Amino acid sequence: MLQQTQVSRVVTRYGEFLARFPTLDHVARAKPAHVREAWEGLGYYARARNLHRLAREVTDGTRHTDQRLPADPSALRELPGIGAYTAGAVASFAYERRAALVDTNVARVLQRAFAPTSNVKTPKGRRIVWEIAESILPRTGRTTWTHNQALMELGALVCTARVAHCGRCPVSSMCRSASRLSKQSGSRRP
């Protein structure tokens, strides 16, 4: 529900959705129209359709005999509506697997810290940021969970789209953008 949707719009709806569909089996057995109806007001209705298709696929007992989402990011990517970010998020947060994830906030942090001249809006820039995300992953899944959450929070609260609050950033000492800004402001002094 959080893909392309603000947290404030999702908080109440998420609880309501889980009350109506507490398990993937409940989603799978529901009529597609009922799943879309529960999604009403959140936009991007393809996500609701994909969730229904995913639930049916996972609970049909053919590929996923335990009727659970797979823990492996590659296996997750094979499910309807699951892209690289969602696969990494599910593997990392639900299963504590060592998996990279790059959302808008993480891309901004990694671009500013490690590749300030790359453009994350291009395929090449996105590839660079994903490579960085994978290269800096901690060794264990449990630590990766914390690492990924920290990157997301850093981008949401400190290294924001409008203002990079370098003065309160815990990684500014090694950030290439912060270093560049510091040199620029230092060279302007009379």
N, C-alpha and C. Protein backbone atom coordinates (compact mmCIF):
# COMPACT_ATOMS: atom_id res chain seq x y z
N MET A 1 0.81 -1.21 0.00
CA MET A 1 0.00 0.00 0.00
C MET A 1 0.85 1.27 0.00
N LEU A 2 2.06 1.17 0.50
CA LEU A 2 2.90 2.36 0.61
C LEU A 2 3.59 2.74 -0.70
N GLN A 3 3.55 1.87 -1.69
CA GLN A 3 4.19 2.23 -2.96
C GLN A 3 3.43 3.40 -3.57
N GLN A 4 4.13 4.50 -3.78
CA GLN A 4 3.57 5.69 -4.40
C GLN A 4 2.44 6.33 -3.59
N THR A 5 2.33 6.01 -2.31
CA THR A 5 1.25 6.54 -1.48
C THR A 5 1.81 6.97 -0.13
N GLN A 6 1.39 8.13 0.36
CA GLN A 6 1.89 8.65 1.62
C GLN A 6 1.44 7.80 2.80
N VAL A 7 2.30 7.70 3.81
CA VAL A 7 2.02 6.92 5.01
C VAL A 7 0.72 7.37 5.66
N SER A 8 0.50 8.68 5.72
CA SER A 8 -0.70 9.20 6.38
C SER A 8 -1.99 8.68 5.73
N ARG A 9 -1.95 8.42 4.44
CA ARG A 9 -3.14 7.89 3.75
C ARG A 9 -3.29 6.39 3.95
N VAL A 10 -2.20 5.72 4.29
CA VAL A 10 -2.22 4.26 4.38
C VAL A 10 -2.52 3.75 5.79
N VAL A 11 -2.11 4.46 6.81
CA VAL A 11 -2.16 3.96 8.19
C VAL A 11 -3.51 3.35 8.55
N THR A 12 -4.56 4.09 8.41
CA THR A 12 -5.89 3.59 8.77
C THR A 12 -6.34 2.49 7.81
N ARG A 13 -6.10 2.68 6.54
CA ARG A 13 -6.56 1.73 5.53
C ARG A 13 -5.88 0.37 5.67
N TYR A 14 -4.62 0.37 6.09
CA TYR A 14 -3.88 -0.88 6.26
C TYR A 14 -4.55 -1.75 7.34
N GLY A 15 -4.89 -1.15 8.47
CA GLY A 15 -5.57 -1.89 9.53
C GLY A 15 -6.92 -2.42 9.08
N GLU A 16 -7.65 -1.61 8.36
CA GLU A 16 -8.96 -2.03 7.84
C GLU A 16 -8.80 -3.19 6.86
N PHE A 17 -7.79 -3.09 6.01
CA PHE A 17 -7.55 -4.13 5.01
C PHE A 17 -7.21 -5.46 5.71
N LEU A 18 -6.34 -5.39 6.72
CA LEU A 18 -5.97 -6.61 7.44
C LEU A 18 -7.12 -7.19 8.24
N ALA A 19 -8.00 -6.35 8.73
CA ALA A 19 -9.18 -6.86 9.44
C ALA A 19 -10.08 -7.63 8.48
N ARG A 20 -10.17 -7.14 7.27
CA ARG A 20 -11.02 -7.79 6.27
C ARG A 20 -10.34 -9.00 5.65
N PHE A 21 -9.01 -8.91 5.42
CA PHE A 21 -8.24 -9.98 4.79
C PHE A 21 -7.01 -10.29 5.64
N PRO A 22 -7.16 -11.04 6.74
CA PRO A 22 -6.03 -11.26 7.65
C PRO A 22 -4.91 -12.14 7.10
N THR A 23 -5.16 -12.93 6.08
CA THR A 23 -4.13 -13.81 5.52
C THR A 23 -4.18 -13.75 3.99
N LEU A 24 -3.12 -14.24 3.37
CA LEU A 24 -3.11 -14.33 1.91
C LEU A 24 -4.24 -15.23 1.41
N ASP A 25 -4.58 -16.25 2.18
CA ASP A 25 -5.68 -17.13 1.80
C ASP A 25 -6.99 -16.36 1.74
N HIS A 26 -7.21 -15.46 2.67
CA HIS A 26 -8.43 -14.63 2.64
C HIS A 26 -8.46 -13.75 1.40
N VAL A 27 -7.31 -13.19 1.03
CA VAL A 27 -7.23 -12.36 -0.17
C VAL A 27 -7.52 -13.23 -1.40
N ALA A 28 -6.91 -14.41 -1.45
CA ALA A 28 -7.07 -15.29 -2.60
C ALA A 28 -8.51 -15.74 -2.80
N ARG A 29 -9.21 -16.01 -1.71
CA ARG A 29 -10.60 -16.50 -1.80
C ARG A 29 -11.61 -15.38 -2.07
N ALA A 30 -11.20 -14.14 -1.87
CA ALA A 30 -12.10 -13.02 -2.09
C ALA A 30 -12.30 -12.77 -3.58
N LYS A 31 -13.41 -12.18 -3.90
CA LYS A 31 -13.64 -11.75 -5.28
C LYS A 31 -12.70 -10.59 -5.57
N PRO A 32 -12.13 -10.53 -6.77
CA PRO A 32 -11.24 -9.41 -7.09
C PRO A 32 -11.86 -8.04 -6.83
N ALA A 33 -13.15 -7.91 -7.09
CA ALA A 33 -13.83 -6.63 -6.85
C ALA A 33 -13.81 -6.24 -5.37
N HIS A 34 -13.87 -7.23 -4.48
CA HIS A 34 -13.85 -6.93 -3.04
C HIS A 34 -12.46 -6.45 -2.61
N VAL A 35 -11.43 -7.02 -3.20
CA VAL A 35 -10.06 -6.58 -2.88
C VAL A 35 -9.87 -5.15 -3.38
N ARG A 36 -10.32 -4.88 -4.60
CA ARG A 36 -10.22 -3.51 -5.14
C ARG A 36 -11.03 -2.53 -4.30
N GLU A 37 -12.19 -2.95 -3.86
CA GLU A 37 -13.04 -2.10 -3.02
C GLU A 37 -12.34 -1.73 -1.71
N ALA A 38 -11.66 -2.70 -1.11
CA ALA A 38 -10.93 -2.44 0.14
C ALA A 38 -9.74 -1.51 -0.10
N TRP A 39 -9.29 -1.42 -1.34
CA TRP A 39 -8.16 -0.58 -1.73
C TRP A 39 -8.63 0.83 -2.11
N GLU A 40 -9.92 1.02 -2.22
CA GLU A 40 -10.52 2.27 -2.69
C GLU A 40 -9.89 3.48 -2.02
N GLY A 41 -9.54 4.47 -2.84
CA GLY A 41 -8.99 5.72 -2.33
C GLY A 41 -7.47 5.75 -2.25
N LEU A 42 -6.82 4.62 -2.47
CA LEU A 42 -5.35 4.59 -2.39
C LEU A 42 -4.69 4.73 -3.77
N GLY A 43 -5.49 4.64 -4.82
CA GLY A 43 -4.94 4.77 -6.17
C GLY A 43 -4.12 3.57 -6.59
N TYR A 44 -3.60 3.65 -7.79
CA TYR A 44 -2.77 2.58 -8.35
C TYR A 44 -3.43 1.21 -8.15
N TYR A 45 -4.59 1.04 -8.72
CA TYR A 45 -5.39 -0.16 -8.48
C TYR A 45 -4.77 -1.43 -9.05
N ALA A 46 -3.79 -1.28 -9.92
CA ALA A 46 -3.07 -2.46 -10.40
C ALA A 46 -2.41 -3.19 -9.23
N ARG A 47 -2.05 -2.45 -8.19
CA ARG A 47 -1.45 -3.08 -7.00
C ARG A 47 -2.44 -4.02 -6.34
N ALA A 48 -3.70 -3.62 -6.27
CA ALA A 48 -4.74 -4.49 -5.66
C ALA A 48 -4.96 -5.72 -6.54
N ARG A 49 -5.02 -5.52 -7.85
CA ARG A 49 -5.19 -6.67 -8.76
C ARG A 49 -4.01 -7.62 -8.65
N ASN A 50 -2.79 -7.06 -8.61
CA ASN A 50 -1.60 -7.91 -8.48
C ASN A 50 -1.55 -8.63 -7.15
N LEU A 51 -1.98 -7.96 -6.08
CA LEU A 51 -2.01 -8.61 -4.77
C LEU A 51 -2.96 -9.80 -4.80
N HIS A 52 -4.09 -9.65 -5.43
CA HIS A 52 -5.06 -10.75 -5.53
C HIS A 52 -4.46 -11.90 -6.34
N ARG A 53 -3.86 -11.57 -7.46
CA ARG A 53 -3.21 -12.62 -8.29
C ARG A 53 -2.08 -13.30 -7.53
N LEU A 54 -1.27 -12.51 -6.82
CA LEU A 54 -0.18 -13.06 -6.02
C LEU A 54 -0.73 -14.00 -4.96
N ALA A 55 -1.76 -13.58 -4.25
CA ALA A 55 -2.35 -14.42 -3.19
C ALA A 55 -2.86 -15.73 -3.76
N ARG A 56 -3.50 -15.68 -4.90
CA ARG A 56 -3.99 -16.92 -5.53
C ARG A 56 -2.82 -17.83 -5.90
N GLU A 57 -1.79 -17.25 -6.47
CA GLU A 57 -0.63 -18.05 -6.87
C GLU A 57 0.07 -18.69 -5.67
N VAL A 58 0.25 -17.93 -4.62
CA VAL A 58 0.95 -18.43 -3.43
C VAL A 58 0.12 -19.49 -2.71
N THR A 59 -1.19 -19.32 -2.68
CA THR A 59 -2.03 -20.24 -1.91
C THR A 59 -2.57 -21.42 -2.71
N ASP A 60 -2.27 -21.48 -4.01
CA ASP A 60 -2.82 -22.60 -4.80
C ASP A 60 -2.11 -23.92 -4.54
N GLY A 61 -0.97 -23.87 -3.84
CA GLY A 61 -0.29 -25.10 -3.43
C GLY A 61 0.59 -25.74 -4.48
N THR A 62 0.77 -25.13 -5.63
CA THR A 62 1.60 -25.75 -6.65
C THR A 62 3.07 -25.36 -6.49
N ARG A 63 3.35 -24.06 -6.55
CA ARG A 63 4.75 -23.62 -6.43
C ARG A 63 5.14 -23.33 -5.00
N HIS A 64 4.22 -22.87 -4.20
CA HIS A 64 4.50 -22.46 -2.82
C HIS A 64 3.68 -23.33 -1.88
N THR A 65 4.18 -24.51 -1.62
CA THR A 65 3.40 -25.50 -0.88
C THR A 65 3.10 -25.09 0.56
N ASP A 66 3.89 -24.21 1.14
CA ASP A 66 3.60 -23.79 2.52
C ASP A 66 2.67 -22.57 2.56
N GLN A 67 2.22 -22.11 1.41
CA GLN A 67 1.29 -20.99 1.27
C GLN A 67 1.80 -19.71 1.92
N ARG A 68 3.09 -19.50 1.83
CA ARG A 68 3.72 -18.27 2.33
C ARG A 68 4.51 -17.64 1.21
N LEU A 69 4.76 -16.36 1.36
CA LEU A 69 5.64 -15.69 0.41
C LEU A 69 7.03 -16.29 0.53
N PRO A 70 7.71 -16.46 -0.58
CA PRO A 70 9.09 -16.96 -0.49
C PRO A 70 10.00 -15.93 0.16
N ALA A 71 11.08 -16.39 0.76
CA ALA A 71 12.03 -15.50 1.43
C ALA A 71 13.11 -14.98 0.49
N ASP A 72 13.33 -15.67 -0.59
CA ASP A 72 14.40 -15.33 -1.54
C ASP A 72 13.94 -14.21 -2.48
N PRO A 73 14.73 -13.14 -2.61
CA PRO A 73 14.33 -12.04 -3.49
C PRO A 73 14.07 -12.47 -4.94
N SER A 74 14.85 -13.40 -5.45
CA SER A 74 14.64 -13.85 -6.83
C SER A 74 13.29 -14.54 -6.99
N ALA A 75 12.93 -15.37 -6.03
CA ALA A 75 11.63 -16.05 -6.07
C ALA A 75 10.49 -15.05 -5.89
N LEU A 76 10.69 -14.07 -5.06
CA LEU A 76 9.68 -13.03 -4.88
C LEU A 76 9.43 -12.27 -6.17
N ARG A 77 10.50 -11.99 -6.92
CA ARG A 77 10.39 -11.23 -8.18
C ARG A 77 9.54 -11.95 -9.21
N GLU A 78 9.38 -13.25 -9.07
CA GLU A 78 8.57 -14.02 -10.02
C GLU A 78 7.08 -13.87 -9.76
N LEU A 79 6.70 -13.30 -8.64
CA LEU A 79 5.29 -13.15 -8.29
C LEU A 79 4.71 -11.89 -8.93
N PRO A 80 3.40 -11.89 -9.20
CA PRO A 80 2.76 -10.73 -9.82
C PRO A 80 2.92 -9.46 -8.99
N GLY A 81 3.36 -8.39 -9.65
CA GLY A 81 3.44 -7.09 -8.99
C GLY A 81 4.65 -6.88 -8.11
N ILE A 82 5.55 -7.85 -8.03
CA ILE A 82 6.73 -7.71 -7.16
C ILE A 82 7.93 -7.30 -8.00
N GLY A 83 8.44 -6.12 -7.72
CA GLY A 83 9.64 -5.62 -8.39
C GLY A 83 10.84 -5.75 -7.47
N ALA A 84 11.93 -5.18 -7.90
CA ALA A 84 13.19 -5.29 -7.15
C ALA A 84 13.08 -4.70 -5.74
N TYR A 85 12.47 -3.52 -5.63
CA TYR A 85 12.36 -2.89 -4.31
C TYR A 85 11.50 -3.74 -3.37
N THR A 86 10.33 -4.14 -3.82
CA THR A 86 9.42 -4.91 -2.95
C THR A 86 10.05 -6.24 -2.58
N ALA A 87 10.72 -6.88 -3.52
CA ALA A 87 11.39 -8.16 -3.22
C ALA A 87 12.45 -7.96 -2.15
N GLY A 88 13.25 -6.91 -2.28
CA GLY A 88 14.26 -6.63 -1.27
C GLY A 88 13.65 -6.28 0.08
N ALA A 89 12.58 -5.50 0.07
CA ALA A 89 11.92 -5.10 1.32
C ALA A 89 11.32 -6.31 2.03
N VAL A 90 10.62 -7.17 1.30
CA VAL A 90 10.01 -8.35 1.93
C VAL A 90 11.09 -9.28 2.46
N ALA A 91 12.11 -9.54 1.64
CA ALA A 91 13.18 -10.44 2.08
C ALA A 91 13.90 -9.88 3.30
N SER A 92 14.18 -8.59 3.30
CA SER A 92 14.91 -7.97 4.40
C SER A 92 14.06 -7.83 5.65
N PHE A 93 12.87 -7.24 5.52
CA PHE A 93 12.07 -6.92 6.70
C PHE A 93 11.25 -8.09 7.22
N ALA A 94 10.74 -8.93 6.35
CA ALA A 94 9.91 -10.05 6.81
C ALA A 94 10.74 -11.27 7.17
N TYR A 95 11.83 -11.49 6.45
CA TYR A 95 12.61 -12.72 6.64
C TYR A 95 14.04 -12.47 7.13
N GLU A 96 14.39 -11.21 7.36
CA GLU A 96 15.74 -10.84 7.80
C GLU A 96 16.82 -11.44 6.90
N ARG A 97 16.58 -11.35 5.60
CA ARG A 97 17.54 -11.81 4.61
C ARG A 97 18.45 -10.66 4.22
N ARG A 98 19.62 -11.00 3.77
CA ARG A 98 20.57 -10.01 3.27
C ARG A 98 20.12 -9.62 1.85
N ALA A 99 19.39 -8.53 1.74
CA ALA A 99 18.84 -8.10 0.46
C ALA A 99 18.82 -6.58 0.38
N ALA A 100 19.26 -6.07 -0.76
CA ALA A 100 19.25 -4.63 -0.98
C ALA A 100 17.84 -4.18 -1.35
N LEU A 101 17.56 -2.92 -1.04
CA LEU A 101 16.32 -2.29 -1.50
C LEU A 101 16.62 -0.84 -1.78
N VAL A 102 16.02 -0.35 -2.83
CA VAL A 102 16.24 1.04 -3.21
C VAL A 102 14.88 1.66 -3.56
N ASP A 103 14.41 2.54 -2.66
CA ASP A 103 13.23 3.34 -2.97
C ASP A 103 13.74 4.75 -3.28
N THR A 104 12.85 5.69 -3.43
CA THR A 104 13.24 7.06 -3.77
C THR A 104 14.18 7.66 -2.73
N ASN A 105 13.86 7.45 -1.45
CA ASN A 105 14.69 8.02 -0.38
C ASN A 105 16.07 7.38 -0.34
N VAL A 106 16.12 6.06 -0.46
CA VAL A 106 17.41 5.36 -0.43
C VAL A 106 18.25 5.77 -1.65
N ALA A 107 17.62 5.86 -2.81
CA ALA A 107 18.35 6.27 -4.02
C ALA A 107 18.98 7.64 -3.83
N ARG A 108 18.24 8.56 -3.23
CA ARG A 108 18.77 9.91 -3.01
C ARG A 108 19.96 9.88 -2.06
N VAL A 109 19.86 9.15 -0.96
CA VAL A 109 20.96 9.06 0.01
C VAL A 109 22.20 8.46 -0.65
N LEU A 110 22.02 7.34 -1.35
CA LEU A 110 23.17 6.68 -1.96
C LEU A 110 23.79 7.52 -3.07
N GLN A 111 22.95 8.17 -3.84
CA GLN A 111 23.46 9.04 -4.91
C GLN A 111 24.25 10.19 -4.32
N ARG A 112 23.70 10.86 -3.32
CA ARG A 112 24.41 12.00 -2.72
C ARG A 112 25.68 11.56 -2.01
N ALA A 113 25.63 10.44 -1.31
CA ALA A 113 26.79 10.01 -0.52
C ALA A 113 27.91 9.42 -1.37
N PHE A 114 27.55 8.65 -2.41
CA PHE A 114 28.57 7.88 -3.13
C PHE A 114 28.73 8.24 -4.61
N ALA A 115 27.69 8.76 -5.24
CA ALA A 115 27.75 8.99 -6.69
C ALA A 115 27.04 10.29 -7.06
N PRO A 116 27.54 11.42 -6.55
CA PRO A 116 26.83 12.69 -6.74
C PRO A 116 26.66 13.13 -8.19
N THR A 117 27.46 12.61 -9.09
CA THR A 117 27.32 13.02 -10.49
C THR A 117 26.39 12.10 -11.27
N SER A 118 25.91 11.04 -10.66
CA SER A 118 24.99 10.14 -11.37
C SER A 118 23.56 10.68 -11.30
N ASN A 119 22.77 10.32 -12.28
CA ASN A 119 21.37 10.73 -12.34
C ASN A 119 20.50 9.50 -12.11
N VAL A 120 19.90 9.41 -10.94
CA VAL A 120 19.12 8.21 -10.59
C VAL A 120 17.83 8.09 -11.39
N LYS A 121 17.53 9.07 -12.21
CA LYS A 121 16.33 8.99 -13.06
C LYS A 121 16.61 8.31 -14.39
N THR A 122 17.87 7.95 -14.62
CA THR A 122 18.23 7.24 -15.85
C THR A 122 18.47 5.77 -15.52
N PRO A 123 18.34 4.90 -16.50
CA PRO A 123 18.64 3.48 -16.25
C PRO A 123 20.06 3.27 -15.72
N LYS A 124 21.02 3.98 -16.27
CA LYS A 124 22.41 3.84 -15.81
C LYS A 124 22.54 4.30 -14.35
N GLY A 125 21.93 5.42 -14.02
CA GLY A 125 21.98 5.93 -12.65
C GLY A 125 21.32 4.98 -11.66
N ARG A 126 20.16 4.41 -12.05
CA ARG A 126 19.49 3.44 -11.18
C ARG A 126 20.35 2.21 -10.98
N ARG A 127 21.00 1.75 -12.05
CA ARG A 127 21.87 0.58 -11.93
C ARG A 127 23.03 0.88 -10.98
N ILE A 128 23.62 2.05 -11.10
CA ILE A 128 24.73 2.44 -10.22
C ILE A 128 24.28 2.43 -8.76
N VAL A 129 23.12 3.01 -8.48
CA VAL A 129 22.63 3.09 -7.10
C VAL A 129 22.33 1.69 -6.55
N TRP A 130 21.73 0.82 -7.38
CA TRP A 130 21.47 -0.56 -6.93
C TRP A 130 22.78 -1.29 -6.64
N GLU A 131 23.79 -1.07 -7.49
CA GLU A 131 25.09 -1.71 -7.25
C GLU A 131 25.70 -1.23 -5.94
N ILE A 132 25.57 0.06 -5.67
CA ILE A 132 26.07 0.61 -4.40
C ILE A 132 25.30 -0.02 -3.24
N ALA A 133 23.98 -0.07 -3.35
CA ALA A 133 23.15 -0.64 -2.27
C ALA A 133 23.57 -2.07 -1.97
N GLU A 134 23.82 -2.85 -2.99
CA GLU A 134 24.24 -4.24 -2.78
C GLU A 134 25.65 -4.32 -2.20
N SER A 135 26.52 -3.42 -2.62
CA SER A 135 27.92 -3.48 -2.17
C SER A 135 28.10 -3.07 -0.71
N ILE A 136 27.19 -2.28 -0.16
CA ILE A 136 27.35 -1.82 1.23
C ILE A 136 26.48 -2.60 2.22
N LEU A 137 25.85 -3.66 1.76
CA LEU A 137 25.02 -4.46 2.68
C LEU A 137 25.87 -5.07 3.79
N PRO A 138 25.36 -5.08 4.99
CA PRO A 138 26.05 -5.80 6.08
C PRO A 138 26.10 -7.30 5.78
N ARG A 139 26.86 -8.01 6.55
CA ARG A 139 27.06 -9.44 6.31
C ARG A 139 25.87 -10.31 6.69
N THR A 140 25.09 -9.89 7.66
CA THR A 140 23.99 -10.74 8.12
C THR A 140 22.64 -10.10 7.80
N GLY A 141 21.63 -10.95 7.70
CA GLY A 141 20.29 -10.48 7.42
C GLY A 141 19.71 -9.63 8.52
N ARG A 142 19.95 -10.01 9.77
CA ARG A 142 19.41 -9.23 10.89
C ARG A 142 19.98 -7.82 10.89
N THR A 143 21.26 -7.70 10.62
CA THR A 143 21.89 -6.38 10.55
C THR A 143 21.41 -5.64 9.30
N THR A 144 21.16 -6.37 8.22
CA THR A 144 20.65 -5.75 6.99
C THR A 144 19.30 -5.10 7.23
N TRP A 145 18.46 -5.74 8.04
CA TRP A 145 17.16 -5.17 8.38
C TRP A 145 17.34 -3.76 8.93
N THR A 146 18.23 -3.62 9.91
CA THR A 146 18.49 -2.32 10.54
C THR A 146 19.11 -1.35 9.55
N HIS A 147 20.05 -1.83 8.78
CA HIS A 147 20.74 -1.01 7.77
C HIS A 147 19.73 -0.43 6.77
N ASN A 148 18.88 -1.29 6.21
CA ASN A 148 17.90 -0.83 5.23
C ASN A 148 16.91 0.16 5.83
N GLN A 149 16.46 -0.12 7.04
CA GLN A 149 15.54 0.80 7.71
C GLN A 149 16.22 2.15 7.94
N ALA A 150 17.48 2.12 8.34
CA ALA A 150 18.22 3.36 8.60
C ALA A 150 18.38 4.19 7.32
N LEU A 151 18.68 3.53 6.21
CA LEU A 151 18.80 4.26 4.94
C LEU A 151 17.48 4.92 4.55
N MET A 152 16.39 4.19 4.73
CA MET A 152 15.08 4.74 4.40
C MET A 152 14.75 5.94 5.28
N GLU A 153 15.01 5.83 6.57
CA GLU A 153 14.74 6.92 7.51
C GLU A 153 15.65 8.12 7.26
N LEU A 154 16.91 7.85 6.94
CA LEU A 154 17.85 8.92 6.65
C LEU A 154 17.35 9.75 5.47
N GLY A 155 16.88 9.08 4.43
CA GLY A 155 16.35 9.79 3.27
C GLY A 155 15.04 10.50 3.53
N ALA A 156 14.22 9.95 4.41
CA ALA A 156 12.92 10.55 4.70
C ALA A 156 13.02 11.74 5.66
N LEU A 157 13.99 11.69 6.58
CA LEU A 157 14.04 12.68 7.65
C LEU A 157 15.22 13.64 7.62
N VAL A 158 16.35 13.22 7.06
CA VAL A 158 17.55 14.06 7.10
C VAL A 158 18.00 14.47 5.71
N CYS A 159 18.24 13.53 4.86
CA CYS A 159 18.73 13.79 3.50
C CYS A 159 17.50 13.87 2.58
N THR A 160 16.69 14.90 2.79
CA THR A 160 15.40 14.98 2.11
C THR A 160 15.55 15.53 0.70
N ALA A 161 14.50 15.40 -0.06
CA ALA A 161 14.52 15.85 -1.45
C ALA A 161 14.71 17.37 -1.53
N ARG A 162 14.07 18.08 -0.64
CA ARG A 162 14.15 19.54 -0.70
C ARG A 162 15.41 20.11 -0.06
N VAL A 163 15.83 19.49 1.06
CA VAL A 163 16.99 20.01 1.79
C VAL A 163 17.81 18.84 2.32
N ALA A 164 19.10 18.88 2.03
CA ALA A 164 20.01 17.91 2.62
C ALA A 164 20.54 18.54 3.91
N HIS A 165 20.09 18.02 5.03
CA HIS A 165 20.47 18.57 6.33
C HIS A 165 21.82 17.98 6.74
N CYS A 166 22.86 18.38 6.04
CA CYS A 166 24.20 17.80 6.25
C CYS A 166 24.72 18.02 7.67
N GLY A 167 24.35 19.12 8.29
CA GLY A 167 24.82 19.42 9.63
C GLY A 167 24.35 18.43 10.69
N ARG A 168 23.26 17.76 10.44
CA ARG A 168 22.78 16.76 11.41
C ARG A 168 22.81 15.34 10.86
N CYS A 169 23.49 15.15 9.76
CA CYS A 169 23.56 13.84 9.12
C CYS A 169 24.67 12.99 9.75
N PRO A 170 24.35 11.76 10.14
CA PRO A 170 25.36 10.90 10.76
C PRO A 170 26.43 10.38 9.79
N VAL A 171 26.22 10.55 8.50
CA VAL A 171 27.22 10.07 7.54
C VAL A 171 27.85 11.21 6.73
N SER A 172 27.66 12.43 7.16
CA SER A 172 28.17 13.57 6.39
C SER A 172 29.69 13.57 6.26
N SER A 173 30.39 12.99 7.23
CA SER A 173 31.86 12.99 7.16
C SER A 173 32.39 12.15 6.01
N MET A 174 31.59 11.20 5.52
CA MET A 174 32.05 10.39 4.40
C MET A 174 31.22 10.62 3.14
N CYS A 175 30.31 11.58 3.17
CA CYS A 175 29.41 11.85 2.06
C CYS A 175 30.09 12.74 1.02
N ARG A 176 30.09 12.31 -0.21
CA ARG A 176 30.74 13.08 -1.28
C ARG A 176 30.03 14.41 -1.55
N SER A 177 28.70 14.42 -1.46
CA SER A 177 27.97 15.67 -1.69
C SER A 177 28.23 16.65 -0.56
N ALA A 178 28.22 16.20 0.67
CA ALA A 178 28.49 17.08 1.81
C ALA A 178 29.89 17.64 1.72
N SER A 179 30.84 16.81 1.33
CA SER A 179 32.23 17.25 1.18
C SER A 179 32.32 18.32 0.09
N ARG A 180 31.64 18.10 -1.00
CA ARG A 180 31.65 19.05 -2.11
C ARG A 180 31.02 20.38 -1.69
N LEU A 181 29.90 20.32 -0.97
CA LEU A 181 29.25 21.54 -0.50
C LEU A 181 30.14 22.30 0.48
N SER A 182 30.82 21.56 1.34
CA SER A 182 31.71 22.17 2.32
C SER A 182 32.86 22.90 1.63
N LYS A 183 33.43 22.28 0.61
CA LYS A 183 34.54 22.90 -0.15
C LYS A 183 34.07 24.14 -0.88
N GLN A 184 32.85 24.08 -1.46
CA GLN A 184 32.30 25.23 -2.19
C GLN A 184 32.06 26.40 -1.25
N SER A 185 31.48 26.14 -0.09
CA SER A 185 31.21 27.24 0.83
C SER A 185 32.50 27.77 1.44
N GLY A 186 33.50 26.91 1.62
CA GLY A 186 34.79 27.34 2.16
C GLY A 186 35.54 28.20 1.18
N SER A 187 35.39 27.95 -0.11
CA SER A 187 36.12 28.74 -1.12
C SER A 187 35.51 30.11 -1.33
N ARG A 188 34.29 30.34 -0.85
CA ARG A 188 33.62 31.63 -1.02
C ARG A 188 33.96 32.60 0.11
N ARG A 189 34.61 32.11 1.10
CA ARG A 189 34.93 33.00 2.23
C ARG A 189 35.93 34.08 1.80
N PRO A 190 35.74 35.31 2.28
CA PRO A 190 36.66 36.41 1.90
C PRO A 190 38.04 36.25 2.50
